[in-house]
Amino acid sequence: MNIVNIIEIIWCVSAFGLTAMVLLHSPKGDGIGGIGGQAQLFSSTKSAESNLNRITWGLFLVFITLTIILSAGWLTTGTAPAPVAIPSLGN
């Protein structure tokens, strides 16, 4: 297992973690609840929500950084893959 495989595994875990963290966030908009007067004008930020924000931003930075590194090809050894022979069709 080389470094590229390890980074790809971390990249996939961060992608799934980021998806889960985004889904765990509470909605910021009032939506239809704002029509009935149920919206809170001033709500305090709870420590759980701020920790959730920190984890989400951290996973986002890991995901974006690894995406750039993997897509740029900075970790490859510089050897090109062997060319694939294309079989002829009876010529």
N, C-alpha and C. Protein backbone atom coordinates (compact mmCIF):
# COMPACT_ATOMS: atom_id res chain seq x y z
N MET A 1 0.85 -1.17 0.00
CA MET A 1 0.00 0.00 0.00
C MET A 1 0.89 1.24 0.00
N ASN A 2 0.76 2.05 -1.02
CA ASN A 2 1.61 3.23 -1.13
C ASN A 2 0.89 4.46 -0.58
N ILE A 3 1.58 5.58 -0.60
CA ILE A 3 1.06 6.82 -0.01
C ILE A 3 -0.19 7.32 -0.73
N VAL A 4 -0.26 7.10 -2.03
CA VAL A 4 -1.44 7.55 -2.79
C VAL A 4 -2.68 6.80 -2.33
N ASN A 5 -2.55 5.49 -2.10
CA ASN A 5 -3.70 4.71 -1.64
C ASN A 5 -4.15 5.16 -0.25
N ILE A 6 -3.21 5.45 0.62
CA ILE A 6 -3.56 5.91 1.97
C ILE A 6 -4.28 7.25 1.91
N ILE A 7 -3.77 8.15 1.07
CA ILE A 7 -4.41 9.47 0.94
C ILE A 7 -5.79 9.34 0.30
N GLU A 8 -5.96 8.43 -0.64
CA GLU A 8 -7.28 8.21 -1.23
C GLU A 8 -8.27 7.68 -0.20
N ILE A 9 -7.81 6.83 0.71
CA ILE A 9 -8.69 6.32 1.77
C ILE A 9 -9.09 7.46 2.70
N ILE A 10 -8.13 8.30 3.09
CA ILE A 10 -8.44 9.45 3.94
C ILE A 10 -9.39 10.40 3.22
N TRP A 11 -9.20 10.57 1.93
CA TRP A 11 -10.07 11.44 1.12
C TRP A 11 -11.50 10.92 1.12
N CYS A 12 -11.68 9.61 0.94
CA CYS A 12 -13.02 9.02 0.94
C CYS A 12 -13.68 9.12 2.31
N VAL A 13 -12.92 8.87 3.36
CA VAL A 13 -13.47 8.97 4.72
C VAL A 13 -13.88 10.41 5.00
N SER A 14 -13.06 11.37 4.57
CA SER A 14 -13.42 12.77 4.79
C SER A 14 -14.66 13.16 3.99
N ALA A 15 -14.83 12.59 2.80
CA ALA A 15 -16.02 12.88 2.00
C ALA A 15 -17.28 12.37 2.68
N PHE A 16 -17.24 11.13 3.18
CA PHE A 16 -18.40 10.59 3.88
C PHE A 16 -18.66 11.33 5.20
N GLY A 17 -17.58 11.67 5.91
CA GLY A 17 -17.73 12.43 7.14
C GLY A 17 -18.30 13.80 6.91
N LEU A 18 -17.85 14.46 5.85
CA LEU A 18 -18.36 15.79 5.51
C LEU A 18 -19.84 15.72 5.16
N THR A 19 -20.23 14.70 4.42
CA THR A 19 -21.65 14.52 4.08
C THR A 19 -22.48 14.33 5.34
N ALA A 20 -22.00 13.51 6.26
CA ALA A 20 -22.74 13.27 7.51
C ALA A 20 -22.83 14.53 8.35
N MET A 21 -21.75 15.30 8.43
CA MET A 21 -21.76 16.52 9.23
C MET A 21 -22.72 17.56 8.65
N VAL A 22 -22.76 17.68 7.34
CA VAL A 22 -23.68 18.64 6.72
C VAL A 22 -25.13 18.23 6.99
N LEU A 23 -25.39 16.94 6.94
CA LEU A 23 -26.75 16.48 7.21
C LEU A 23 -27.15 16.64 8.67
N LEU A 24 -26.19 16.67 9.58
CA LEU A 24 -26.49 16.83 11.01
C LEU A 24 -26.78 18.27 11.40
N HIS A 25 -26.41 19.22 10.56
CA HIS A 25 -26.65 20.63 10.89
C HIS A 25 -28.14 20.92 10.96
N SER A 26 -28.49 21.81 11.88
CA SER A 26 -29.88 22.25 11.95
C SER A 26 -30.10 23.30 10.87
N PRO A 27 -31.31 23.35 10.32
CA PRO A 27 -31.57 24.32 9.26
C PRO A 27 -31.52 25.75 9.80
N LYS A 28 -30.93 26.63 9.03
CA LYS A 28 -30.80 28.03 9.46
C LYS A 28 -32.04 28.85 9.10
N GLY A 29 -32.68 28.50 8.01
CA GLY A 29 -33.86 29.24 7.58
C GLY A 29 -35.09 28.84 8.37
N ASP A 30 -36.02 29.76 8.45
CA ASP A 30 -37.24 29.48 9.18
C ASP A 30 -38.24 28.69 8.35
N GLY A 31 -38.19 28.88 7.06
CA GLY A 31 -39.11 28.16 6.20
C GLY A 31 -40.55 28.53 6.49
N ILE A 32 -41.42 27.56 6.48
CA ILE A 32 -42.84 27.80 6.71
C ILE A 32 -43.11 28.13 8.18
N GLY A 33 -42.21 27.72 9.09
CA GLY A 33 -42.39 28.03 10.50
C GLY A 33 -42.35 29.52 10.78
N GLY A 34 -41.71 30.29 9.93
CA GLY A 34 -41.65 31.73 10.13
C GLY A 34 -42.96 32.42 9.88
N ILE A 35 -43.86 31.80 9.11
CA ILE A 35 -45.15 32.42 8.81
C ILE A 35 -46.04 32.43 10.05
N GLY A 36 -46.01 31.35 10.80
CA GLY A 36 -46.87 31.23 11.98
C GLY A 36 -46.33 31.91 13.21
N GLY A 37 -45.24 32.60 13.13
CA GLY A 37 -44.69 33.30 14.27
C GLY A 37 -43.85 32.41 15.16
N GLN A 38 -43.46 31.24 14.68
CA GLN A 38 -42.69 30.34 15.51
C GLN A 38 -41.19 30.58 15.38
N ALA A 39 -40.81 31.49 14.55
CA ALA A 39 -39.38 31.75 14.33
C ALA A 39 -38.81 32.50 15.52
N GLN A 40 -37.59 32.15 15.88
CA GLN A 40 -36.90 32.86 16.94
C GLN A 40 -36.02 33.92 16.29
N LEU A 41 -36.18 35.13 16.75
CA LEU A 41 -35.43 36.22 16.16
C LEU A 41 -33.97 36.18 16.59
N PHE A 42 -33.75 35.97 17.87
CA PHE A 42 -32.39 35.90 18.39
C PHE A 42 -32.18 34.54 19.03
N SER A 43 -31.35 33.73 18.43
CA SER A 43 -31.06 32.43 19.02
C SER A 43 -29.57 32.37 19.34
N SER A 44 -29.26 31.83 20.48
CA SER A 44 -27.86 31.72 20.88
C SER A 44 -27.23 30.50 20.23
N THR A 45 -25.95 30.61 19.92
CA THR A 45 -25.23 29.50 19.33
C THR A 45 -24.80 28.57 20.45
N LYS A 46 -25.22 27.35 20.36
CA LYS A 46 -24.89 26.38 21.38
C LYS A 46 -23.49 25.84 21.15
N SER A 47 -22.90 25.29 22.18
CA SER A 47 -21.55 24.75 22.04
C SER A 47 -21.55 23.53 21.13
N ALA A 48 -22.62 22.76 21.14
CA ALA A 48 -22.69 21.60 20.23
C ALA A 48 -22.70 22.05 18.78
N GLU A 49 -23.42 23.12 18.50
CA GLU A 49 -23.48 23.63 17.13
C GLU A 49 -22.14 24.22 16.70
N SER A 50 -21.46 24.90 17.61
CA SER A 50 -20.16 25.46 17.24
C SER A 50 -19.13 24.35 17.04
N ASN A 51 -19.19 23.29 17.85
CA ASN A 51 -18.30 22.16 17.63
C ASN A 51 -18.61 21.46 16.31
N LEU A 52 -19.87 21.35 15.98
CA LEU A 52 -20.28 20.76 14.71
C LEU A 52 -19.77 21.59 13.54
N ASN A 53 -19.81 22.90 13.69
CA ASN A 53 -19.27 23.80 12.66
C ASN A 53 -17.77 23.61 12.50
N ARG A 54 -17.06 23.50 13.61
CA ARG A 54 -15.60 23.32 13.54
C ARG A 54 -15.24 22.00 12.86
N ILE A 55 -15.94 20.93 13.22
CA ILE A 55 -15.66 19.63 12.61
C ILE A 55 -15.97 19.67 11.12
N THR A 56 -17.08 20.31 10.75
CA THR A 56 -17.46 20.40 9.35
C THR A 56 -16.41 21.18 8.55
N TRP A 57 -15.97 22.31 9.08
CA TRP A 57 -14.96 23.10 8.38
C TRP A 57 -13.64 22.34 8.29
N GLY A 58 -13.27 21.62 9.35
CA GLY A 58 -12.05 20.83 9.32
C GLY A 58 -12.09 19.74 8.25
N LEU A 59 -13.21 19.02 8.20
CA LEU A 59 -13.36 17.98 7.17
C LEU A 59 -13.39 18.59 5.78
N PHE A 60 -13.99 19.77 5.66
CA PHE A 60 -14.02 20.45 4.37
C PHE A 60 -12.60 20.79 3.90
N LEU A 61 -11.79 21.32 4.80
CA LEU A 61 -10.42 21.68 4.43
C LEU A 61 -9.59 20.45 4.07
N VAL A 62 -9.77 19.36 4.82
CA VAL A 62 -9.06 18.11 4.50
C VAL A 62 -9.49 17.61 3.13
N PHE A 63 -10.80 17.62 2.87
CA PHE A 63 -11.33 17.12 1.61
C PHE A 63 -10.82 17.95 0.43
N ILE A 64 -10.90 19.27 0.53
CA ILE A 64 -10.48 20.13 -0.57
C ILE A 64 -8.97 20.03 -0.80
N THR A 65 -8.19 20.00 0.28
CA THR A 65 -6.74 19.90 0.15
C THR A 65 -6.34 18.59 -0.54
N LEU A 66 -6.94 17.48 -0.10
CA LEU A 66 -6.61 16.19 -0.70
C LEU A 66 -7.12 16.10 -2.13
N THR A 67 -8.24 16.75 -2.42
CA THR A 67 -8.74 16.77 -3.80
C THR A 67 -7.74 17.47 -4.72
N ILE A 68 -7.21 18.59 -4.27
CA ILE A 68 -6.23 19.32 -5.08
C ILE A 68 -4.96 18.50 -5.26
N ILE A 69 -4.48 17.90 -4.17
CA ILE A 69 -3.24 17.11 -4.24
C ILE A 69 -3.41 15.91 -5.16
N LEU A 70 -4.53 15.19 -5.01
CA LEU A 70 -4.74 14.00 -5.84
C LEU A 70 -4.99 14.35 -7.30
N SER A 71 -5.71 15.43 -7.56
CA SER A 71 -6.01 15.77 -8.95
C SER A 71 -4.80 16.36 -9.67
N ALA A 72 -3.91 17.01 -8.92
CA ALA A 72 -2.72 17.59 -9.54
C ALA A 72 -1.67 16.54 -9.87
N GLY A 73 -1.76 15.38 -9.24
CA GLY A 73 -0.81 14.31 -9.51
C GLY A 73 0.56 14.55 -8.91
N TRP A 74 0.63 15.30 -7.81
CA TRP A 74 1.90 15.62 -7.19
C TRP A 74 2.53 14.42 -6.48
N LEU A 75 1.76 13.39 -6.22
CA LEU A 75 2.28 12.25 -5.47
C LEU A 75 2.67 11.08 -6.36
N THR A 76 2.52 11.22 -7.64
CA THR A 76 2.88 10.11 -8.52
C THR A 76 4.39 10.03 -8.65
N THR A 77 4.87 8.85 -9.01
CA THR A 77 6.31 8.63 -9.09
C THR A 77 6.91 9.11 -10.39
N GLY A 78 6.09 9.55 -11.33
CA GLY A 78 6.58 10.05 -12.60
C GLY A 78 6.67 8.99 -13.67
N THR A 79 6.33 7.77 -13.35
CA THR A 79 6.34 6.72 -14.37
C THR A 79 4.98 6.64 -15.00
N ALA A 80 4.97 6.63 -16.29
CA ALA A 80 3.71 6.53 -17.03
C ALA A 80 3.28 5.07 -17.09
N PRO A 81 1.99 4.81 -17.14
CA PRO A 81 1.54 3.43 -17.26
C PRO A 81 1.93 2.85 -18.62
N ALA A 82 2.07 1.55 -18.64
CA ALA A 82 2.46 0.88 -19.88
C ALA A 82 1.36 1.03 -20.92
N PRO A 83 1.73 1.24 -22.18
CA PRO A 83 0.71 1.38 -23.22
C PRO A 83 -0.04 0.06 -23.42
N VAL A 84 -1.31 0.18 -23.72
CA VAL A 84 -2.15 -0.99 -23.92
C VAL A 84 -2.15 -1.32 -25.41
N ALA A 85 -1.89 -2.60 -25.71
CA ALA A 85 -1.89 -3.03 -27.10
C ALA A 85 -3.33 -3.22 -27.56
N ILE A 86 -3.66 -2.65 -28.72
CA ILE A 86 -5.00 -2.78 -29.27
C ILE A 86 -4.96 -3.91 -30.29
N PRO A 87 -5.76 -4.95 -30.08
CA PRO A 87 -5.73 -6.07 -31.02
C PRO A 87 -6.32 -5.69 -32.37
N SER A 88 -5.76 -6.26 -33.39
CA SER A 88 -6.27 -5.96 -34.73
C SER A 88 -7.53 -6.79 -34.99
N LEU A 89 -8.29 -6.36 -35.96
CA LEU A 89 -9.55 -7.04 -36.30
C LEU A 89 -9.40 -7.95 -37.50
N GLY A 90 -8.37 -8.71 -37.55
CA GLY A 90 -8.19 -9.68 -38.63
C GLY A 90 -7.34 -9.19 -39.78
N ASN A 91 -6.65 -8.10 -39.64
CA ASN A 91 -5.80 -7.59 -40.71
C ASN A 91 -4.47 -8.29 -40.72
